[in-house]
Amino acid sequence: MLFKNGKMKNISKSQVLTLKDEVAYQDGMVVSKTLVQNDAVSVTLFSFDKGEEISTHESSGDAFVTCLDGVGKITVDGIEYILKEGESIVMPAKHPHAVFGEERFKMLLVVVF
């Protein structure tokens, strides 16, 4: 599917989906699948192999994370939070944060700029 004018891409439309099945685990890797990327919002699916991470960084938008599978560790302002399937957290804009695969871990990330 094409990405044009901020529309959804890389995902089927008009059908029921299980988001955790839309991104695969890969040994020793963080895998991402971008669904939307524009000036207002970014929507990305991620899978983390156990022990893989996105190191500490900041974003210019609020980042809403929902755990789709497994167990992840989210660090915001140096405080660690454990996220399990069905749980969510907001990583506030311009605050240092990181994501770590405590176990294999899949998440949906929505960043609102």
PDB file of N, CA and C in Angstrom:
ATOM      1  N   MET A   1       0.841  -1.183   0.000  1.00  0.00           N
ATOM      2  CA  MET A   1       0.000   0.000   0.000  1.00  0.00           C
ATOM      3  C   MET A   1       0.884   1.242   0.000  1.00  0.00           C
ATOM      4  N   LEU A   2       0.410   2.270  -0.574  1.00  0.00           N
ATOM      5  CA  LEU A   2       1.184   3.493  -0.695  1.00  0.00           C
ATOM      6  C   LEU A   2       0.947   4.418   0.478  1.00  0.00           C
ATOM      7  N   PHE A   3       1.951   5.194   0.787  1.00  0.00           N
ATOM      8  CA  PHE A   3       1.847   6.224   1.803  1.00  0.00           C
ATOM      9  C   PHE A   3       1.743   7.553   1.084  1.00  0.00           C
ATOM     10  N   LYS A   4       0.618   8.213   1.240  1.00  0.00           N
ATOM     11  CA  LYS A   4       0.403   9.473   0.552  1.00  0.00           C
ATOM     12  C   LYS A   4      -0.534  10.331   1.391  1.00  0.00           C
ATOM     13  N   ASN A   5      -0.153  11.571   1.620  1.00  0.00           N
ATOM     14  CA  ASN A   5      -1.005  12.518   2.343  1.00  0.00           C
ATOM     15  C   ASN A   5      -1.388  12.034   3.732  1.00  0.00           C
ATOM     16  N   GLY A   6      -0.486  11.315   4.414  1.00  0.00           N
ATOM     17  CA  GLY A   6      -0.731  10.924   5.795  1.00  0.00           C
ATOM     18  C   GLY A   6      -1.675   9.758   5.971  1.00  0.00           C
ATOM     19  N   LYS A   7      -1.997   9.032   4.921  1.00  0.00           N
ATOM     20  CA  LYS A   7      -2.911   7.903   5.034  1.00  0.00           C
ATOM     21  C   LYS A   7      -2.182   6.673   5.562  1.00  0.00           C
ATOM     22  N   MET A   8      -2.963   5.697   6.005  1.00  0.00           N
ATOM     23  CA  MET A   8      -2.397   4.457   6.518  1.00  0.00           C
ATOM     24  C   MET A   8      -1.670   3.707   5.408  1.00  0.00           C
ATOM     25  N   LYS A   9      -0.590   3.009   5.790  1.00  0.00           N
ATOM     26  CA  LYS A   9       0.150   2.164   4.854  1.00  0.00           C
ATOM     27  C   LYS A   9       0.562   0.891   5.575  1.00  0.00           C
ATOM     28  N   ASN A  10       0.994  -0.092   4.816  1.00  0.00           N
ATOM     29  CA  ASN A  10       1.546  -1.345   5.357  1.00  0.00           C
ATOM     30  C   ASN A  10       0.571  -2.146   6.205  1.00  0.00           C
ATOM     31  N   ILE A  11      -0.737  -1.926   6.003  1.00  0.00           N
ATOM     32  CA  ILE A  11      -1.720  -2.660   6.799  1.00  0.00           C
ATOM     33  C   ILE A  11      -3.006  -2.803   5.983  1.00  0.00           C
ATOM     34  N   SER A  12      -3.653  -3.961   6.129  1.00  0.00           N
ATOM     35  CA  SER A  12      -4.896  -4.202   5.395  1.00  0.00           C
ATOM     36  C   SER A  12      -6.004  -3.311   5.924  1.00  0.00           C
ATOM     37  N   LYS A  13      -6.907  -2.947   5.046  1.00  0.00           N
ATOM     38  CA  LYS A  13      -8.034  -2.084   5.414  1.00  0.00           C
ATOM     39  C   LYS A  13      -9.338  -2.843   5.255  1.00  0.00           C
ATOM     40  N   SER A  14     -10.344  -2.396   5.964  1.00  0.00           N
ATOM     41  CA  SER A  14     -11.689  -2.980   5.919  1.00  0.00           C
ATOM     42  C   SER A  14     -11.674  -4.472   6.241  1.00  0.00           C
ATOM     43  N   GLN A  15     -10.842  -4.833   7.245  1.00  0.00           N
ATOM     44  CA  GLN A  15     -10.866  -6.203   7.746  1.00  0.00           C
ATOM     45  C   GLN A  15     -10.389  -6.199   9.191  1.00  0.00           C
ATOM     46  N   VAL A  16     -10.852  -7.169   9.948  1.00  0.00           N
ATOM     47  CA  VAL A  16     -10.481  -7.289  11.353  1.00  0.00           C
ATOM     48  C   VAL A  16      -9.042  -7.785  11.431  1.00  0.00           C
ATOM     49  N   LEU A  17      -8.228  -7.105  12.251  1.00  0.00           N
ATOM     50  CA  LEU A  17      -6.813  -7.439  12.392  1.00  0.00           C
ATOM     51  C   LEU A  17      -6.472  -7.707  13.853  1.00  0.00           C
ATOM     52  N   THR A  18      -5.474  -8.522  14.056  1.00  0.00           N
ATOM     53  CA  THR A  18      -4.858  -8.683  15.372  1.00  0.00           C
ATOM     54  C   THR A  18      -3.499  -8.010  15.266  1.00  0.00           C
ATOM     55  N   LEU A  19      -3.364  -6.830  15.883  1.00  0.00           N
ATOM     56  CA  LEU A  19      -2.165  -6.019  15.683  1.00  0.00           C
ATOM     57  C   LEU A  19      -0.878  -6.755  16.009  1.00  0.00           C
ATOM     58  N   LYS A  20      -0.876  -7.587  17.055  1.00  0.00           N
ATOM     59  CA  LYS A  20       0.368  -8.270  17.416  1.00  0.00           C
ATOM     60  C   LYS A  20       0.825  -9.241  16.336  1.00  0.00           C
ATOM     61  N   ASP A  21      -0.067  -9.621  15.444  1.00  0.00           N
ATOM     62  CA  ASP A  21       0.308 -10.513  14.339  1.00  0.00           C
ATOM     63  C   ASP A  21       0.827  -9.743  13.128  1.00  0.00           C
ATOM     64  N   GLU A  22       0.789  -8.426  13.179  1.00  0.00           N
ATOM     65  CA  GLU A  22       1.185  -7.587  12.046  1.00  0.00           C
ATOM     66  C   GLU A  22       2.683  -7.259  12.027  1.00  0.00           C
ATOM     67  N   VAL A  23       3.406  -7.639  13.088  1.00  0.00           N
ATOM     68  CA  VAL A  23       4.857  -7.442  13.140  1.00  0.00           C
ATOM     69  C   VAL A  23       5.470  -8.695  13.771  1.00  0.00           C
ATOM     70  N   ALA A  24       6.501  -9.232  13.134  1.00  0.00           N
ATOM     71  CA  ALA A  24       7.096 -10.500  13.573  1.00  0.00           C
ATOM     72  C   ALA A  24       8.303 -10.265  14.480  1.00  0.00           C
ATOM     73  N   TYR A  25       8.539 -11.212  15.368  1.00  0.00           N
ATOM     74  CA  TYR A  25       9.782 -11.219  16.142  1.00  0.00           C
ATOM     75  C   TYR A  25      10.930 -11.667  15.251  1.00  0.00           C
ATOM     76  N   GLN A  26      12.105 -11.090  15.467  1.00  0.00           N
ATOM     77  CA  GLN A  26      13.319 -11.565  14.820  1.00  0.00           C
ATOM     78  C   GLN A  26      14.407 -11.645  15.870  1.00  0.00           C
ATOM     79  N   ASP A  27      15.133 -12.751  15.892  1.00  0.00           N
ATOM     80  CA  ASP A  27      16.180 -12.968  16.889  1.00  0.00           C
ATOM     81  C   ASP A  27      17.179 -11.820  16.881  1.00  0.00           C
ATOM     82  N   GLY A  28      17.450 -11.285  18.081  1.00  0.00           N
ATOM     83  CA  GLY A  28      18.472 -10.267  18.254  1.00  0.00           C
ATOM     84  C   GLY A  28      18.150  -8.917  17.643  1.00  0.00           C
ATOM     85  N   MET A  29      16.864  -8.651  17.384  1.00  0.00           N
ATOM     86  CA  MET A  29      16.519  -7.409  16.688  1.00  0.00           C
ATOM     87  C   MET A  29      15.315  -6.700  17.293  1.00  0.00           C
ATOM     88  N   VAL A  30      15.249  -5.397  17.000  1.00  0.00           N
ATOM     89  CA  VAL A  30      14.033  -4.610  17.154  1.00  0.00           C
ATOM     90  C   VAL A  30      13.492  -4.431  15.742  1.00  0.00           C
ATOM     91  N   VAL A  31      12.243  -4.803  15.534  1.00  0.00           N
ATOM     92  CA  VAL A  31      11.610  -4.684  14.219  1.00  0.00           C
ATOM     93  C   VAL A  31      10.518  -3.630  14.315  1.00  0.00           C
ATOM     94  N   SER A  32      10.438  -2.753  13.320  1.00  0.00           N
ATOM     95  CA  SER A  32       9.379  -1.755  13.303  1.00  0.00           C
ATOM     96  C   SER A  32       8.620  -1.798  11.992  1.00  0.00           C
ATOM     97  N   LYS A  33       7.354  -1.436  12.068  1.00  0.00           N
ATOM     98  CA  LYS A  33       6.483  -1.372  10.891  1.00  0.00           C
ATOM     99  C   LYS A  33       5.668  -0.087  11.006  1.00  0.00           C
ATOM    100  N   THR A  34       5.978   0.881  10.159  1.00  0.00           N
ATOM    101  CA  THR A  34       5.304   2.179  10.199  1.00  0.00           C
ATOM    102  C   THR A  34       3.946   2.083   9.518  1.00  0.00           C
ATOM    103  N   LEU A  35       2.925   2.571  10.213  1.00  0.00           N
ATOM    104  CA  LEU A  35       1.574   2.587   9.662  1.00  0.00           C
ATOM    105  C   LEU A  35       1.161   3.979   9.204  1.00  0.00           C
ATOM    106  N   VAL A  36       1.613   5.013   9.931  1.00  0.00           N
ATOM    107  CA  VAL A  36       1.363   6.410   9.562  1.00  0.00           C
ATOM    108  C   VAL A  36       2.545   7.238  10.021  1.00  0.00           C
ATOM    109  N   GLN A  37       2.974   8.182   9.184  1.00  0.00           N
ATOM    110  CA  GLN A  37       4.029   9.117   9.580  1.00  0.00           C
ATOM    111  C   GLN A  37       3.756  10.438   8.875  1.00  0.00           C
ATOM    112  N   ASN A  38       3.425  11.467   9.669  1.00  0.00           N
ATOM    113  CA  ASN A  38       3.257  12.802   9.106  1.00  0.00           C
ATOM    114  C   ASN A  38       3.566  13.842  10.180  1.00  0.00           C
ATOM    115  N   ASP A  39       3.299  15.103   9.909  1.00  0.00           N
ATOM    116  CA  ASP A  39       3.650  16.162  10.859  1.00  0.00           C
ATOM    117  C   ASP A  39       2.809  16.151  12.131  1.00  0.00           C
ATOM    118  N   ALA A  40       1.660  15.468  12.104  1.00  0.00           N
ATOM    119  CA  ALA A  40       0.755  15.482  13.250  1.00  0.00           C
ATOM    120  C   ALA A  40       0.828  14.221  14.103  1.00  0.00           C
ATOM    121  N   VAL A  41       1.082  13.081  13.457  1.00  0.00           N
ATOM    122  CA  VAL A  41       1.019  11.815  14.175  1.00  0.00           C
ATOM    123  C   VAL A  41       1.936  10.778  13.523  1.00  0.00           C
ATOM    124  N   SER A  42       2.421   9.867  14.356  1.00  0.00           N
ATOM    125  CA  SER A  42       3.189   8.722  13.896  1.00  0.00           C
ATOM    126  C   SER A  42       2.596   7.483  14.568  1.00  0.00           C
ATOM    127  N   VAL A  43       2.327   6.444  13.788  1.00  0.00           N
ATOM    128  CA  VAL A  43       1.805   5.192  14.331  1.00  0.00           C
ATOM    129  C   VAL A  43       2.719   4.072  13.840  1.00  0.00           C
ATOM    130  N   THR A  44       3.316   3.341  14.791  1.00  0.00           N
ATOM    131  CA  THR A  44       4.293   2.312  14.441  1.00  0.00           C
ATOM    132  C   THR A  44       4.099   1.087  15.326  1.00  0.00           C
ATOM    133  N   LEU A  45       4.186  -0.086  14.723  1.00  0.00           N
ATOM    134  CA  LEU A  45       4.228  -1.341  15.466  1.00  0.00           C
ATOM    135  C   LEU A  45       5.688  -1.727  15.659  1.00  0.00           C
ATOM    136  N   PHE A  46       6.014  -2.258  16.837  1.00  0.00           N
ATOM    137  CA  PHE A  46       7.374  -2.702  17.137  1.00  0.00           C
ATOM    138  C   PHE A  46       7.345  -4.094  17.731  1.00  0.00           C
ATOM    139  N   SER A  47       8.395  -4.866  17.441  1.00  0.00           N
ATOM    140  CA  SER A  47       8.672  -6.095  18.185  1.00  0.00           C
ATOM    141  C   SER A  47      10.119  -6.025  18.667  1.00  0.00           C
ATOM    142  N   PHE A  48      10.334  -6.448  19.897  1.00  0.00           N
ATOM    143  CA  PHE A  48      11.657  -6.470  20.521  1.00  0.00           C
ATOM    144  C   PHE A  48      11.972  -7.900  20.913  1.00  0.00           C
ATOM    145  N   ASP A  49      13.112  -8.402  20.482  1.00  0.00           N
ATOM    146  CA  ASP A  49      13.565  -9.676  21.022  1.00  0.00           C
ATOM    147  C   ASP A  49      13.976  -9.423  22.470  1.00  0.00           C
ATOM    148  N   LYS A  50      13.967 -10.453  23.282  1.00  0.00           N
ATOM    149  CA  LYS A  50      14.369 -10.310  24.682  1.00  0.00           C
ATOM    150  C   LYS A  50      15.759  -9.685  24.751  1.00  0.00           C
ATOM    151  N   GLY A  51      15.896  -8.620  25.557  1.00  0.00           N
ATOM    152  CA  GLY A  51      17.176  -7.959  25.754  1.00  0.00           C
ATOM    153  C   GLY A  51      17.481  -6.857  24.761  1.00  0.00           C
ATOM    154  N   GLU A  52      16.648  -6.698  23.737  1.00  0.00           N
ATOM    155  CA  GLU A  52      16.859  -5.624  22.759  1.00  0.00           C
ATOM    156  C   GLU A  52      16.203  -4.340  23.256  1.00  0.00           C
ATOM    157  N   GLU A  53      16.706  -3.196  22.761  1.00  0.00           N
ATOM    158  CA  GLU A  53      16.179  -1.937  23.283  1.00  0.00           C
ATOM    159  C   GLU A  53      16.282  -0.794  22.285  1.00  0.00           C
ATOM    160  N   ILE A  54      15.528   0.238  22.569  1.00  0.00           N
ATOM    161  CA  ILE A  54      15.703   1.556  21.969  1.00  0.00           C
ATOM    162  C   ILE A  54      16.232   2.407  23.109  1.00  0.00           C
ATOM    163  N   SER A  55      17.460   2.891  22.966  1.00  0.00           N
ATOM    164  CA  SER A  55      18.128   3.583  24.068  1.00  0.00           C
ATOM    165  C   SER A  55      17.466   4.936  24.364  1.00  0.00           C
ATOM    166  N   THR A  56      17.879   5.524  25.454  1.00  0.00           N
ATOM    167  CA  THR A  56      17.288   6.765  25.943  1.00  0.00           C
ATOM    168  C   THR A  56      17.360   7.871  24.897  1.00  0.00           C
ATOM    169  N   HIS A  57      16.213   8.498  24.692  1.00  0.00           N
ATOM    170  CA  HIS A  57      16.089   9.594  23.733  1.00  0.00           C
ATOM    171  C   HIS A  57      14.883  10.443  24.139  1.00  0.00           C
ATOM    172  N   GLU A  58      14.639  11.520  23.425  1.00  0.00           N
ATOM    173  CA  GLU A  58      13.464  12.358  23.654  1.00  0.00           C
ATOM    174  C   GLU A  58      12.703  12.495  22.351  1.00  0.00           C
ATOM    175  N   SER A  59      11.417  12.776  22.460  1.00  0.00           N
ATOM    176  CA  SER A  59      10.560  12.998  21.301  1.00  0.00           C
ATOM    177  C   SER A  59       9.902  14.358  21.430  1.00  0.00           C
ATOM    178  N   SER A  60       9.591  14.973  20.305  1.00  0.00           N
ATOM    179  CA  SER A  60       8.914  16.270  20.341  1.00  0.00           C
ATOM    180  C   SER A  60       7.409  16.119  20.535  1.00  0.00           C
ATOM    181  N   GLY A  61       6.918  14.877  20.566  1.00  0.00           N
ATOM    182  CA  GLY A  61       5.495  14.633  20.789  1.00  0.00           C
ATOM    183  C   GLY A  61       5.272  13.670  21.932  1.00  0.00           C
ATOM    184  N   ASP A  62       4.048  13.677  22.475  1.00  0.00           N
ATOM    185  CA  ASP A  62       3.674  12.689  23.485  1.00  0.00           C
ATOM    186  C   ASP A  62       3.595  11.323  22.820  1.00  0.00           C
ATOM    187  N   ALA A  63       4.207  10.323  23.444  1.00  0.00           N
ATOM    188  CA  ALA A  63       4.277   8.974  22.878  1.00  0.00           C
ATOM    189  C   ALA A  63       3.435   8.016  23.715  1.00  0.00           C
ATOM    190  N   PHE A  64       2.382   7.484  23.117  1.00  0.00           N
ATOM    191  CA  PHE A  64       1.454   6.567  23.769  1.00  0.00           C
ATOM    192  C   PHE A  64       1.829   5.142  23.368  1.00  0.00           C
ATOM    193  N   VAL A  65       2.199   4.321  24.345  1.00  0.00           N
ATOM    194  CA  VAL A  65       2.624   2.942  24.100  1.00  0.00           C
ATOM    195  C   VAL A  65       1.580   1.986  24.659  1.00  0.00           C
ATOM    196  N   THR A  66       1.196   0.993  23.848  1.00  0.00           N
ATOM    197  CA  THR A  66       0.331  -0.088  24.309  1.00  0.00           C
ATOM    198  C   THR A  66       1.045  -1.405  24.057  1.00  0.00           C
ATOM    199  N   CYS A  67       1.185  -2.204  25.102  1.00  0.00           N
ATOM    200  CA  CYS A  67       1.804  -3.528  24.986  1.00  0.00           C
ATOM    201  C   CYS A  67       0.811  -4.481  24.324  1.00  0.00           C
ATOM    202  N   LEU A  68       1.238  -5.099  23.231  1.00  0.00           N
ATOM    203  CA  LEU A  68       0.407  -6.052  22.497  1.00  0.00           C
ATOM    204  C   LEU A  68       0.733  -7.495  22.849  1.00  0.00           C
ATOM    205  N   ASP A  69       1.974  -7.728  23.332  1.00  0.00           N
ATOM    206  CA  ASP A  69       2.421  -9.091  23.604  1.00  0.00           C
ATOM    207  C   ASP A  69       3.672  -9.025  24.464  1.00  0.00           C
ATOM    208  N   GLY A  70       3.849  -9.982  25.357  1.00  0.00           N
ATOM    209  CA  GLY A  70       5.087 -10.087  26.119  1.00  0.00           C
ATOM    210  C   GLY A  70       5.193  -9.084  27.249  1.00  0.00           C
ATOM    211  N   VAL A  71       6.449  -8.769  27.600  1.00  0.00           N
ATOM    212  CA  VAL A  71       6.740  -7.876  28.721  1.00  0.00           C
ATOM    213  C   VAL A  71       7.830  -6.900  28.301  1.00  0.00           C
ATOM    214  N   GLY A  72       7.530  -5.608  28.449  1.00  0.00           N
ATOM    215  CA  GLY A  72       8.503  -4.571  28.136  1.00  0.00           C
ATOM    216  C   GLY A  72       8.784  -3.712  29.341  1.00  0.00           C
ATOM    217  N   LYS A  73       9.952  -3.108  29.326  1.00  0.00           N
ATOM    218  CA  LYS A  73      10.312  -2.153  30.380  1.00  0.00           C
ATOM    219  C   LYS A  73      10.426  -0.784  29.732  1.00  0.00           C
ATOM    220  N   ILE A  74       9.632   0.144  30.217  1.00  0.00           N
ATOM    221  CA  ILE A  74       9.633   1.522  29.729  1.00  0.00           C
ATOM    222  C   ILE A  74      10.273   2.374  30.811  1.00  0.00           C
ATOM    223  N   THR A  75      11.258   3.163  30.443  1.00  0.00           N
ATOM    224  CA  THR A  75      11.904   4.063  31.390  1.00  0.00           C
ATOM    225  C   THR A  75      11.577   5.496  30.976  1.00  0.00           C
ATOM    226  N   VAL A  76      11.014   6.264  31.908  1.00  0.00           N
ATOM    227  CA  VAL A  76      10.684   7.674  31.673  1.00  0.00           C
ATOM    228  C   VAL A  76      11.298   8.483  32.807  1.00  0.00           C
ATOM    229  N   ASP A  77      12.124   9.455  32.458  1.00  0.00           N
ATOM    230  CA  ASP A  77      12.784  10.287  33.471  1.00  0.00           C
ATOM    231  C   ASP A  77      13.509   9.439  34.515  1.00  0.00           C
ATOM    232  N   GLY A  78      14.099   8.321  34.080  1.00  0.00           N
ATOM    233  CA  GLY A  78      14.861   7.464  34.978  1.00  0.00           C
ATOM    234  C   GLY A  78      14.032   6.505  35.812  1.00  0.00           C
ATOM    235  N   ILE A  79      12.713   6.555  35.697  1.00  0.00           N
ATOM    236  CA  ILE A  79      11.826   5.654  36.447  1.00  0.00           C
ATOM    237  C   ILE A  79      11.390   4.521  35.527  1.00  0.00           C
ATOM    238  N   GLU A  80      11.538   3.278  36.010  1.00  0.00           N
ATOM    239  CA  GLU A  80      11.206   2.101  35.209  1.00  0.00           C
ATOM    240  C   GLU A  80       9.774   1.642  35.462  1.00  0.00           C
ATOM    241  N   TYR A  81       9.095   1.291  34.363  1.00  0.00           N
ATOM    242  CA  TYR A  81       7.727   0.772  34.412  1.00  0.00           C
ATOM    243  C   TYR A  81       7.699  -0.523  33.614  1.00  0.00           C
ATOM    244  N   ILE A  82       7.064  -1.548  34.178  1.00  0.00           N
ATOM    245  CA  ILE A  82       6.913  -2.817  33.472  1.00  0.00           C
ATOM    246  C   ILE A  82       5.536  -2.825  32.816  1.00  0.00           C
ATOM    247  N   LEU A  83       5.523  -3.121  31.512  1.00  0.00           N
ATOM    248  CA  LEU A  83       4.293  -3.117  30.729  1.00  0.00           C
ATOM    249  C   LEU A  83       4.011  -4.530  30.249  1.00  0.00           C
ATOM    250  N   LYS A  84       2.789  -5.003  30.516  1.00  0.00           N
ATOM    251  CA  LYS A  84       2.351  -6.328  30.073  1.00  0.00           C
ATOM    252  C   LYS A  84       1.199  -6.168  29.091  1.00  0.00           C
ATOM    253  N   GLU A  85       0.878  -7.262  28.405  1.00  0.00           N
ATOM    254  CA  GLU A  85      -0.157  -7.235  27.373  1.00  0.00           C
ATOM    255  C   GLU A  85      -1.420  -6.517  27.852  1.00  0.00           C
ATOM    256  N   GLY A  86      -1.872  -5.561  27.040  1.00  0.00           N
ATOM    257  CA  GLY A  86      -3.087  -4.806  27.344  1.00  0.00           C
ATOM    258  C   GLY A  86      -2.849  -3.537  28.139  1.00  0.00           C
ATOM    259  N   GLU A  87      -1.625  -3.342  28.636  1.00  0.00           N
ATOM    260  CA  GLU A  87      -1.325  -2.146  29.433  1.00  0.00           C
ATOM    261  C   GLU A  87      -0.695  -1.068  28.556  1.00  0.00           C
ATOM    262  N   SER A  88      -0.888   0.181  28.980  1.00  0.00           N
ATOM    263  CA  SER A  88      -0.391   1.327  28.216  1.00  0.00           C
ATOM    264  C   SER A  88       0.280   2.330  29.144  1.00  0.00           C
ATOM    265  N   ILE A  89       1.102   3.194  28.529  1.00  0.00           N
ATOM    266  CA  ILE A  89       1.747   4.289  29.252  1.00  0.00           C
ATOM    267  C   ILE A  89       1.993   5.422  28.261  1.00  0.00           C
ATOM    268  N   VAL A  90       1.990   6.651  28.761  1.00  0.00           N
ATOM    269  CA  VAL A  90       2.339   7.802  27.943  1.00  0.00           C
ATOM    270  C   VAL A  90       3.719   8.283  28.356  1.00  0.00           C
ATOM    271  N   MET A  91       4.598   8.377  27.367  1.00  0.00           N
ATOM    272  CA  MET A  91       5.926   8.947  27.579  1.00  0.00           C
ATOM    273  C   MET A  91       5.823  10.408  27.122  1.00  0.00           C
ATOM    274  N   PRO A  92       5.858  11.362  28.066  1.00  0.00           N
ATOM    275  CA  PRO A  92       5.609  12.760  27.707  1.00  0.00           C
ATOM    276  C   PRO A  92       6.677  13.337  26.778  1.00  0.00           C
ATOM    277  N   ALA A  93       6.240  14.261  25.947  1.00  0.00           N
ATOM    278  CA  ALA A  93       7.142  14.954  25.033  1.00  0.00           C
ATOM    279  C   ALA A  93       8.269  15.611  25.818  1.00  0.00           C
ATOM    280  N   LYS A  94       9.444  15.592  25.216  1.00  0.00           N
ATOM    281  CA  LYS A  94      10.633  16.262  25.730  1.00  0.00           C
ATOM    282  C   LYS A  94      11.091  15.736  27.087  1.00  0.00           C
ATOM    283  N   HIS A  95      10.727  14.484  27.403  1.00  0.00           N
ATOM    284  CA  HIS A  95      11.232  13.803  28.599  1.00  0.00           C
ATOM    285  C   HIS A  95      12.043  12.602  28.119  1.00  0.00           C
ATOM    286  N   PRO A  96      13.209  12.362  28.703  1.00  0.00           N
ATOM    287  CA  PRO A  96      14.005  11.210  28.280  1.00  0.00           C
ATOM    288  C   PRO A  96      13.282   9.899  28.574  1.00  0.00           C
ATOM    289  N   HIS A  97      13.289   9.003  27.583  1.00  0.00           N
ATOM    290  CA  HIS A  97      12.643   7.710  27.750  1.00  0.00           C
ATOM    291  C   HIS A  97      13.367   6.652  26.923  1.00  0.00           C
ATOM    292  N   ALA A  98      13.143   5.398  27.304  1.00  0.00           N
ATOM    293  CA  ALA A  98      13.751   4.259  26.626  1.00  0.00           C
ATOM    294  C   ALA A  98      12.788   3.079  26.691  1.00  0.00           C
ATOM    295  N   VAL A  99      12.971   2.113  25.788  1.00  0.00           N
ATOM    296  CA  VAL A  99      12.135   0.916  25.741  1.00  0.00           C
ATOM    297  C   VAL A  99      13.059  -0.297  25.674  1.00  0.00           C
ATOM    298  N   PHE A 100      12.762  -1.321  26.496  1.00  0.00           N
ATOM    299  CA  PHE A 100      13.609  -2.506  26.612  1.00  0.00           C
ATOM    300  C   PHE A 100      12.737  -3.748  26.598  1.00  0.00           C
ATOM    301  N   GLY A 101      13.152  -4.768  25.860  1.00  0.00           N
ATOM    302  CA  GLY A 101      12.441  -6.042  25.854  1.00  0.00           C
ATOM    303  C   GLY A 101      12.814  -6.864  27.071  1.00  0.00           C
ATOM    304  N   GLU A 102      12.046  -6.730  28.118  1.00  0.00           N
ATOM    305  CA  GLU A 102      12.259  -7.515  29.345  1.00  0.00           C
ATOM    306  C   GLU A 102      12.110  -9.005  29.015  1.00  0.00           C
ATOM    307  N   GLU A 103      11.127  -9.304  28.210  1.00  0.00           N
ATOM    308  CA  GLU A 103      10.930 -10.586  27.532  1.00  0.00           C
ATOM    309  C   GLU A 103      10.723 -10.194  26.070  1.00  0.00           C
ATOM    310  N   ARG A 104      10.412 -11.135  25.206  1.00  0.00           N
ATOM    311  CA  ARG A 104       9.980 -10.717  23.870  1.00  0.00           C
ATOM    312  C   ARG A 104       8.766  -9.821  24.069  1.00  0.00           C
ATOM    313  N   PHE A 105       8.669  -8.772  23.255  1.00  0.00           N
ATOM    314  CA  PHE A 105       7.720  -7.701  23.539  1.00  0.00           C
ATOM    315  C   PHE A 105       7.267  -7.060  22.235  1.00  0.00           C
ATOM    316  N   LYS A 106       5.950  -6.887  22.086  1.00  0.00           N
ATOM    317  CA  LYS A 106       5.415  -6.156  20.935  1.00  0.00           C
ATOM    318  C   LYS A 106       4.599  -4.987  21.459  1.00  0.00           C
ATOM    319  N   MET A 107       4.703  -3.868  20.742  1.00  0.00           N
ATOM    320  CA  MET A 107       3.973  -2.675  21.182  1.00  0.00           C
ATOM    321  C   MET A 107       3.464  -1.872  19.987  1.00  0.00           C
ATOM    322  N   LEU A 108       2.409  -1.134  20.258  1.00  0.00           N
ATOM    323  CA  LEU A 108       1.903  -0.127  19.327  1.00  0.00           C
ATOM    324  C   LEU A 108       2.321   1.221  19.887  1.00  0.00           C
ATOM    325  N   LEU A 109       2.978   2.023  19.063  1.00  0.00           N
ATOM    326  CA  LEU A 109       3.434   3.350  19.460  1.00  0.00           C
ATOM    327  C   LEU A 109       2.676   4.379  18.637  1.00  0.00           C
ATOM    328  N   VAL A 110       1.996   5.299  19.341  1.00  0.00           N
ATOM    329  CA  VAL A 110       1.312   6.422  18.705  1.00  0.00           C
ATOM    330  C   VAL A 110       1.930   7.689  19.265  1.00  0.00           C
ATOM    331  N   VAL A 111       2.584   8.478  18.403  1.00  0.00           N
ATOM    332  CA  VAL A 111       3.178   9.744  18.826  1.00  0.00           C
ATOM    333  C   VAL A 111       2.352  10.866  18.225  1.00  0.00           C
ATOM    334  N   VAL A 112       1.895  11.776  19.111  1.00  0.00           N
ATOM    335  CA  VAL A 112       1.096  12.921  18.684  1.00  0.00           C
ATOM    336  C   VAL A 112       1.981  14.152  18.824  1.00  0.00           C
ATOM    337  N   PHE A 113       2.228  14.843  17.701  1.00  0.00           N
ATOM    338  CA  PHE A 113       3.109  16.010  17.684  1.00  0.00           C
ATOM    339  C   PHE A 113       2.330  17.296  17.862  1.00  0.00           C
TER     340      PHE A 113
END
